[in-house]
N, C-alpha and C. Protein backbone atom coordinates (compact mmCIF):
# COMPACT_ATOMS: atom_id res chain seq x y z
N UNK A 1 144.68 258.76 243.26
CA UNK A 1 144.22 257.60 244.18
C UNK A 1 145.95 257.33 244.71
N UNK A 2 145.95 256.96 245.97
CA UNK A 2 147.44 256.81 246.37
C UNK A 2 147.54 255.31 246.47
N UNK A 3 149.33 254.98 246.05
CA UNK A 3 149.64 253.93 245.90
C UNK A 3 149.32 253.38 247.30
N UNK A 4 149.40 251.87 247.14
CA UNK A 4 149.39 251.37 247.97
C UNK A 4 150.78 250.02 247.84
N UNK A 5 151.01 249.53 248.78
CA UNK A 5 152.38 249.11 248.81
C UNK A 5 152.12 247.58 249.49
N UNK A 6 152.48 246.15 248.74
CA UNK A 6 152.53 245.11 248.86
C UNK A 6 153.47 244.41 248.98
N UNK A 7 153.68 243.30 249.37
CA UNK A 7 154.67 242.21 249.81
C UNK A 7 154.36 241.21 249.30
N UNK A 8 154.63 240.75 248.05
CA UNK A 8 154.40 239.13 247.66
C UNK A 8 155.21 238.23 247.94
N UNK A 9 155.14 237.27 248.76
CA UNK A 9 156.50 236.04 248.90
C UNK A 9 155.56 235.00 248.12
N UNK A 10 156.19 234.06 247.40
CA UNK A 10 156.21 232.88 246.61
C UNK A 10 157.45 231.95 246.42
N UNK A 11 156.84 230.83 247.22
CA UNK A 11 157.79 229.40 246.63
C UNK A 11 157.94 228.51 245.46
N UNK A 12 159.50 228.59 245.00
CA UNK A 12 159.51 227.89 243.26
C UNK A 12 159.84 226.56 244.10
N UNK A 13 159.41 225.72 243.00
CA UNK A 13 159.52 224.55 243.25
C UNK A 13 161.29 224.05 242.71
N UNK A 14 161.90 223.17 243.70
CA UNK A 14 163.07 223.32 243.88
C UNK A 14 164.07 222.37 242.67
N UNK A 15 162.81 221.76 241.77
CA UNK A 15 164.09 221.11 241.25
C UNK A 15 164.12 221.80 239.36
N UNK A 16 163.50 222.77 239.79
CA UNK A 16 163.29 223.83 238.48
C UNK A 16 165.07 224.45 238.03
N UNK A 17 165.28 224.11 236.79
CA UNK A 17 166.97 225.00 236.73
C UNK A 17 166.93 226.32 236.56
N UNK A 18 168.06 226.75 236.51
CA UNK A 18 168.15 228.30 236.69
C UNK A 18 167.96 229.07 236.12
N UNK A 19 167.62 228.33 234.61
CA UNK A 19 166.86 229.37 233.31
C UNK A 19 165.46 229.22 233.26
N UNK A 20 164.92 228.41 233.88
CA UNK A 20 163.48 228.09 233.93
C UNK A 20 162.98 229.20 235.41
N UNK A 21 164.00 229.39 236.48
CA UNK A 21 163.46 229.86 237.39
C UNK A 21 163.18 231.34 237.43
N UNK A 22 164.47 231.63 236.57
CA UNK A 22 164.57 233.07 236.27
C UNK A 22 163.55 233.37 234.83
N UNK A 23 163.01 232.44 234.19
CA UNK A 23 161.77 232.89 233.53
C UNK A 23 160.34 233.24 233.75
N UNK A 24 160.36 232.13 235.29
CA UNK A 24 159.16 232.44 235.89
C UNK A 24 159.13 233.21 236.77
N UNK A 25 160.30 233.89 237.40
CA UNK A 25 160.40 235.27 238.14
C UNK A 25 159.94 236.32 237.06
N UNK A 26 160.79 236.35 236.03
CA UNK A 26 160.23 237.70 234.98
C UNK A 26 158.84 237.49 234.35
N UNK A 27 158.17 236.33 234.24
CA UNK A 27 156.91 236.16 233.74
C UNK A 27 156.04 236.79 234.95
N UNK A 28 156.10 236.39 236.56
CA UNK A 28 155.37 236.90 237.33
C UNK A 28 155.52 238.60 237.24
N UNK A 29 156.91 239.12 237.24
CA UNK A 29 157.35 240.22 237.77
C UNK A 29 156.44 241.24 236.33
N UNK A 30 156.25 240.62 235.29
CA UNK A 30 155.53 241.34 234.21
C UNK A 30 154.37 241.32 234.29
N UNK A 31 153.82 240.46 234.70
CA UNK A 31 152.27 240.23 234.78
C UNK A 31 151.98 241.45 235.94
N UNK A 32 152.69 241.65 236.71
CA UNK A 32 152.74 243.07 237.77
C UNK A 32 153.04 244.06 237.29
N UNK A 33 153.60 244.37 236.20
CA UNK A 33 153.92 245.72 235.56
C UNK A 33 153.18 245.84 234.41
N UNK A 34 152.50 244.53 233.80
CA UNK A 34 151.89 245.16 232.54
C UNK A 34 150.33 245.36 233.16
N UNK A 35 150.08 245.29 234.18
CA UNK A 35 148.93 245.69 235.11
C UNK A 35 148.75 246.36 235.90
N UNK A 36 149.85 247.39 235.95
CA UNK A 36 150.12 248.79 236.62
C UNK A 36 150.51 248.58 238.00
N UNK A 37 151.23 247.96 238.27
CA UNK A 37 151.72 247.99 239.76
C UNK A 37 153.43 248.25 239.55
N UNK A 38 154.07 248.77 240.19
CA UNK A 38 155.71 249.31 240.19
C UNK A 38 156.56 248.48 240.88
N UNK A 39 157.41 247.54 240.29
CA UNK A 39 158.14 246.97 240.95
C UNK A 39 159.12 247.86 242.17
N UNK A 40 159.03 247.46 243.49
CA UNK A 40 160.30 247.94 244.08
C UNK A 40 161.41 247.51 244.14
N UNK A 41 161.44 246.20 244.60
CA UNK A 41 162.54 244.91 244.50
C UNK A 41 161.70 244.07 243.87
N UNK A 42 162.80 242.88 243.53
CA UNK A 42 162.32 241.30 243.19
C UNK A 42 163.53 240.68 243.32
N UNK A 43 163.64 239.61 244.28
CA UNK A 43 164.35 239.06 244.81
C UNK A 43 164.75 237.73 245.63
N UNK A 44 165.20 236.82 245.29
CA UNK A 44 165.58 235.59 245.77
C UNK A 44 165.93 235.58 247.16
N UNK A 45 165.29 235.13 248.46
CA UNK A 45 165.48 234.92 249.52
C UNK A 45 166.41 233.82 250.09
N UNK A 46 166.04 232.67 250.16
CA UNK A 46 166.64 231.37 250.27
C UNK A 46 165.95 230.17 249.82
N UNK A 47 166.84 229.15 249.89
CA UNK A 47 166.03 227.85 250.14
C UNK A 47 165.92 227.45 251.39
N UNK A 48 164.60 226.99 251.31
CA UNK A 48 164.44 226.47 252.84
C UNK A 48 163.84 225.23 252.72
N UNK A 49 163.86 224.45 253.80
CA UNK A 49 163.03 222.81 254.15
C UNK A 49 161.56 223.43 254.88
N UNK A 50 160.87 222.71 254.36
CA UNK A 50 159.47 222.88 254.71
C UNK A 50 159.34 222.12 255.97
N UNK A 51 158.15 222.34 257.00
CA UNK A 51 157.75 222.00 257.90
C UNK A 51 156.89 220.70 257.26
N UNK A 52 156.48 220.55 256.26
CA UNK A 52 155.63 219.43 256.13
C UNK A 52 155.68 219.77 254.55
N UNK A 53 155.48 218.31 253.89
CA UNK A 53 155.64 218.00 252.56
C UNK A 53 154.65 219.25 251.59
N UNK A 54 154.90 219.38 250.22
CA UNK A 54 153.58 220.72 249.72
C UNK A 54 154.11 220.01 248.72
N UNK A 55 152.82 218.95 248.18
CA UNK A 55 153.00 218.12 247.13
C UNK A 55 154.11 217.10 247.19
N UNK A 56 154.90 216.59 246.25
CA UNK A 56 155.89 215.87 246.84
C UNK A 56 157.54 216.56 247.15
N UNK A 57 157.52 217.84 247.33
CA UNK A 57 158.45 218.82 247.65
C UNK A 57 158.78 218.82 248.96
N UNK A 58 159.89 219.10 249.46
CA UNK A 58 159.89 219.31 251.40
C UNK A 58 161.04 220.42 251.05
N UNK A 59 161.32 221.20 250.16
CA UNK A 59 162.11 222.38 249.99
C UNK A 59 161.58 223.55 248.81
N UNK A 60 161.81 224.41 249.04
CA UNK A 60 161.69 225.42 248.04
C UNK A 60 162.75 226.69 248.18
N UNK A 61 162.34 226.98 246.69
CA UNK A 61 163.38 228.78 246.84
C UNK A 61 162.42 229.78 247.12
N UNK A 62 162.23 230.31 248.22
CA UNK A 62 161.57 231.36 248.24
C UNK A 62 161.67 232.98 247.55
N UNK A 63 160.97 233.67 246.97
CA UNK A 63 161.25 234.76 246.29
C UNK A 63 160.26 235.72 246.80
N UNK A 64 160.32 237.15 246.71
CA UNK A 64 159.95 238.16 247.45
C UNK A 64 159.94 239.29 246.72
N UNK A 65 158.84 239.61 246.33
CA UNK A 65 158.32 240.84 245.42
C UNK A 65 158.07 241.84 246.25
N UNK A 66 158.64 243.29 246.19
CA UNK A 66 157.69 244.44 246.73
C UNK A 66 156.98 245.26 245.93
N UNK A 67 156.07 245.81 245.84
CA UNK A 67 155.49 246.07 244.89
C UNK A 67 154.31 247.45 245.54
N UNK A 68 154.19 248.37 244.45
CA UNK A 68 153.13 249.65 244.73
C UNK A 68 152.06 249.60 243.69
N UNK A 69 151.06 249.63 244.15
CA UNK A 69 150.06 250.04 242.73
C UNK A 69 148.83 250.98 243.64
N UNK A 70 148.37 251.58 242.38
CA UNK A 70 147.30 252.09 243.15
C UNK A 70 145.65 251.70 242.67
N UNK A 71 145.66 250.14 242.21
CA UNK A 71 144.60 249.77 241.92
C UNK A 71 144.68 248.53 242.35
N UNK A 72 143.79 247.08 242.47
CA UNK A 72 144.22 245.97 242.92
C UNK A 72 144.33 244.97 241.69
N UNK A 73 144.08 245.34 240.42
CA UNK A 73 144.30 244.48 239.32
C UNK A 73 145.10 243.87 239.11
N UNK A 74 146.77 244.69 239.36
CA UNK A 74 147.86 243.61 239.40
C UNK A 74 147.94 242.56 240.18
N UNK A 75 147.58 242.87 241.53
CA UNK A 75 147.81 241.91 242.62
C UNK A 75 146.30 240.72 242.13
N UNK A 76 145.40 240.81 241.84
CA UNK A 76 144.25 239.68 241.57
C UNK A 76 144.98 239.09 240.45
N UNK A 77 145.09 239.52 238.97
CA UNK A 77 145.83 239.01 238.16
C UNK A 77 147.17 237.92 238.82
N UNK A 78 147.92 238.45 239.28
CA UNK A 78 149.17 237.99 240.12
C UNK A 78 148.57 236.58 240.71
N UNK A 79 147.55 236.69 241.79
CA UNK A 79 146.95 235.81 242.88
C UNK A 79 146.47 235.03 241.64
N UNK A 80 145.97 235.25 240.68
CA UNK A 80 145.00 234.11 239.58
C UNK A 80 146.11 233.10 239.17
N UNK A 81 146.68 234.17 238.59
CA UNK A 81 147.97 232.87 237.92
C UNK A 81 148.73 232.31 238.57
N UNK A 82 149.19 233.23 239.86
CA UNK A 82 149.98 231.85 240.79
C UNK A 82 149.17 230.70 241.07
N UNK A 83 147.94 230.88 241.37
CA UNK A 83 147.19 229.66 241.86
C UNK A 83 146.98 228.17 240.59
N UNK A 84 147.51 229.03 239.60
CA UNK A 84 147.43 227.73 238.50
C UNK A 84 148.66 227.49 238.12
N UNK A 85 149.71 227.92 238.63
CA UNK A 85 150.81 227.65 238.15
C UNK A 85 151.44 226.44 238.95
N UNK A 86 152.10 225.91 238.14
CA UNK A 86 152.67 224.27 238.38
C UNK A 86 154.07 224.59 239.07
N UNK A 87 154.70 225.66 239.00
CA UNK A 87 156.09 226.16 239.26
C UNK A 87 156.02 226.38 240.28
N UNK A 88 154.78 227.20 241.03
CA UNK A 88 155.18 227.85 242.11
C UNK A 88 153.98 227.05 243.14
N UNK A 89 155.01 226.75 244.61
CA UNK A 89 153.84 225.87 245.24
C UNK A 89 153.08 226.45 245.99
N UNK A 90 153.34 227.83 246.54
CA UNK A 90 152.98 228.35 247.43
C UNK A 90 153.07 230.24 247.17
N UNK A 91 151.79 230.87 247.73
CA UNK A 91 152.34 232.46 247.34
C UNK A 91 151.57 233.27 248.27
N UNK A 92 151.99 234.41 248.74
CA UNK A 92 151.11 234.57 249.73
C UNK A 92 151.38 236.74 249.51
N UNK A 93 150.08 237.34 249.56
CA UNK A 93 150.18 238.32 249.52
C UNK A 93 149.96 238.97 250.41
N UNK A 94 150.64 240.28 251.03
CA UNK A 94 150.24 240.90 252.29
C UNK A 94 150.45 242.37 252.06
N UNK A 95 149.33 243.01 252.28
CA UNK A 95 149.21 244.70 252.37
C UNK A 95 150.47 245.42 253.20
N UNK A 96 151.18 246.13 253.01
CA UNK A 96 151.87 246.67 254.33
C UNK A 96 151.45 248.15 254.50
N UNK A 97 151.71 248.43 255.67
CA UNK A 97 151.03 250.02 256.01
C UNK A 97 152.34 250.77 256.30
N UNK A 98 153.73 250.58 255.78
CA UNK A 98 154.53 251.27 256.04
C UNK A 98 154.64 251.99 255.36
């Protein structure tokens, strides 16, 4: 089966310390790996102000992960756990065509 490329962008709440942020990124990277995805890269983009408040926050740190996966098991698990994580304000998963 062919590998599908995905780009996952998520926003980490701004009041997390560096150790907590690193642990969150490692946790979600491991969720992808353990469910069969191959991580191409995983990096912080930048801290940005929002156009409107999300919860009580007006800014957050954007993190981008590029992955390949032969099925959608890893993506579905990331999506499920991302929705219930209090440390992740929002996330978006995009299937890449390139």
